[in-house]
Amino acid sequence: MTHIQPAFDGVEFAAPAPAVIRRVVDDYEAWVDEVWNAFIDAADTGQPFTVDEIARTKNLPDPPQPKTQWGRLPERLLNAGVIRHHDYGASRRARQSLVHVWIGVPAGQRQATARARREARAAARAERRAA
């Protein structure tokens, strides 16, 4: 698809069409349901990945508030025992910032990982209350 921009001298140049903006889903929970399987598939590969990589390669829609809600998704995946932190890497979108690099937890270990994470969070809450 091209966008025709006429030149002032009467010659027409064919240029690439303007970039398409990613679709935005209005409801956060509906968005999570829509993108969840893409991250499960990425975790199942056993290869490290960033959230932005998966969003771009799978052409995933944006959440209702993209600046804040993309960061909430990995927390849900962590709590479900699907992923774990692997490393840090450069952001492809904002080259000067670091982002988390994730790797999948093997499917057979996900329930135990989620249970251990819940217990660790409960212990940390109890410790904060006691202090």
Protein backbone atom coordinates (compact mmCIF):
# COMPACT_ATOMS: atom_id res chain seq x y z
CA MET A 1 0.00 0.00 0.00
CA THR A 2 1.40 3.39 -0.90
CA HIS A 3 0.45 6.92 -0.18
CA ILE A 4 0.73 9.28 -3.15
CA GLN A 5 2.08 12.70 -2.27
CA PRO A 6 1.98 15.10 -5.23
CA ALA A 7 5.05 17.29 -5.62
CA PHE A 8 4.71 20.99 -6.31
CA ASP A 9 6.26 20.59 -9.77
CA GLY A 10 3.50 18.20 -10.83
CA VAL A 11 5.52 14.99 -10.41
CA GLU A 12 3.97 12.39 -8.13
CA PHE A 13 6.15 10.31 -5.80
CA ALA A 14 5.02 7.04 -4.25
CA ALA A 15 5.85 6.87 -0.56
CA PRO A 16 5.10 4.24 2.06
CA ALA A 17 1.74 4.62 3.75
CA PRO A 18 1.73 6.25 7.18
CA ALA A 19 2.34 3.85 10.07
CA VAL A 20 -0.72 2.05 11.35
CA ILE A 21 -1.42 2.66 15.03
CA ARG A 22 -1.95 -0.49 17.07
CA ARG A 23 -5.50 -1.25 18.13
CA VAL A 24 -6.41 -0.37 21.73
CA VAL A 25 -8.74 -2.62 23.74
CA ASP A 26 -11.17 -0.71 25.98
CA ASP A 27 -11.42 -3.20 28.86
CA TYR A 28 -8.25 -4.26 30.72
CA GLU A 29 -9.51 -7.75 31.62
CA ALA A 30 -10.62 -8.38 28.02
CA TRP A 31 -7.18 -7.24 26.86
CA VAL A 32 -5.45 -9.64 29.28
CA ASP A 33 -7.61 -12.48 27.96
CA GLU A 34 -6.70 -11.56 24.39
CA VAL A 35 -2.91 -11.35 24.86
CA TRP A 36 -2.42 -14.05 27.54
CA ASN A 37 -1.94 -16.98 25.14
CA ALA A 38 0.74 -15.13 23.18
CA PHE A 39 2.83 -14.91 26.35
CA ILE A 40 2.09 -18.52 27.29
CA ASP A 41 3.37 -19.54 23.84
CA ALA A 42 6.49 -17.39 24.31
CA ALA A 43 7.11 -18.94 27.73
CA ASP A 44 6.70 -22.44 26.29
CA THR A 45 9.57 -21.86 23.83
CA GLY A 46 12.10 -21.69 26.67
CA GLN A 47 13.77 -18.71 24.99
CA PRO A 48 14.27 -15.34 26.72
CA PHE A 49 11.95 -12.56 25.59
CA THR A 50 10.79 -9.05 26.40
CA VAL A 51 7.17 -7.98 26.58
CA ASP A 52 7.72 -5.52 23.73
CA GLU A 53 9.22 -8.23 21.50
CA ILE A 54 6.16 -10.42 21.87
CA ALA A 55 3.77 -7.50 21.44
CA ARG A 56 5.46 -6.46 18.20
CA THR A 57 6.01 -9.89 16.66
CA LYS A 58 2.47 -11.06 17.44
CA ASN A 59 0.96 -7.63 16.60
CA LEU A 60 -0.87 -7.53 19.93
CA PRO A 61 -3.31 -4.73 20.75
CA ASP A 62 -2.53 -2.12 23.38
CA PRO A 63 -4.33 -2.04 26.75
CA PRO A 64 -6.64 0.88 27.60
CA GLN A 65 -3.71 2.77 29.22
CA PRO A 66 -0.60 1.58 27.36
CA LYS A 67 1.93 3.62 29.32
CA THR A 68 1.09 1.91 32.60
CA GLN A 69 -0.77 -1.30 31.90
CA TRP A 70 1.82 -3.14 29.81
CA GLY A 71 3.91 -3.30 32.99
CA ARG A 72 1.13 -4.98 34.96
CA LEU A 73 0.95 -7.98 32.64
CA PRO A 74 4.33 -9.52 33.61
CA GLU A 75 3.32 -9.32 37.27
CA ARG A 76 0.24 -11.42 36.51
CA LEU A 77 2.35 -13.89 34.55
CA LEU A 78 4.82 -14.07 37.44
CA ASN A 79 2.02 -14.66 39.95
CA ALA A 80 0.62 -17.43 37.74
CA GLY A 81 4.05 -19.09 37.66
CA VAL A 82 4.31 -18.78 33.87
CA ILE A 83 7.50 -16.68 33.67
CA ARG A 84 10.49 -15.74 35.79
CA HIS A 85 13.02 -12.94 35.54
CA HIS A 86 15.98 -13.89 33.34
CA ASP A 87 18.03 -10.75 32.72
CA TYR A 88 17.90 -7.09 31.73
CA GLY A 89 18.13 -5.84 28.17
CA ALA A 90 17.89 -2.68 26.13
CA SER A 91 14.47 -1.49 25.16
CA ARG A 92 13.88 -1.57 21.43
CA ARG A 93 11.33 1.22 21.69
CA ALA A 94 13.23 3.52 24.08
CA ARG A 95 16.86 2.65 23.44
CA GLN A 96 18.22 4.38 26.55
CA SER A 97 16.22 2.37 29.08
CA LEU A 98 16.58 -1.13 30.43
CA VAL A 99 13.72 -3.61 30.43
CA HIS A 100 13.21 -6.99 32.02
CA VAL A 101 13.99 -10.04 29.97
CA TRP A 102 11.74 -12.95 30.90
CA ILE A 103 11.97 -16.70 30.38
CA GLY A 104 9.25 -19.30 30.73
CA VAL A 105 8.90 -21.66 33.65
CA PRO A 106 8.45 -25.27 32.44
CA ALA A 107 4.76 -26.18 32.35
CA GLY A 108 5.14 -28.91 34.97
CA GLN A 109 6.60 -26.47 37.49
CA ARG A 110 4.16 -23.58 37.07
CA GLN A 111 1.76 -24.49 39.87
CA ALA A 112 4.58 -24.99 42.38
CA THR A 113 6.20 -21.72 41.26
CA ALA A 114 2.92 -19.82 41.65
CA ARG A 115 2.35 -21.35 45.10
CA ALA A 116 5.89 -20.41 46.23
CA ARG A 117 5.38 -16.85 44.97
CA ARG A 118 2.05 -16.53 46.84
CA GLU A 119 3.67 -17.81 50.04
CA ALA A 120 6.65 -15.45 49.70
CA ARG A 121 4.33 -12.47 49.15
CA ALA A 122 2.18 -13.46 52.16
CA ALA A 123 5.30 -13.79 54.33
CA ALA A 124 6.54 -10.37 53.21
CA ARG A 125 3.15 -8.81 54.03
CA ALA A 126 3.15 -10.43 57.47
CA GLU A 127 6.69 -9.17 58.10
CA ARG A 128 5.69 -5.61 57.11
CA ARG A 129 2.70 -5.74 59.46
CA ALA A 130 4.86 -6.96 62.34
CA ALA A 131 7.39 -4.16 61.86
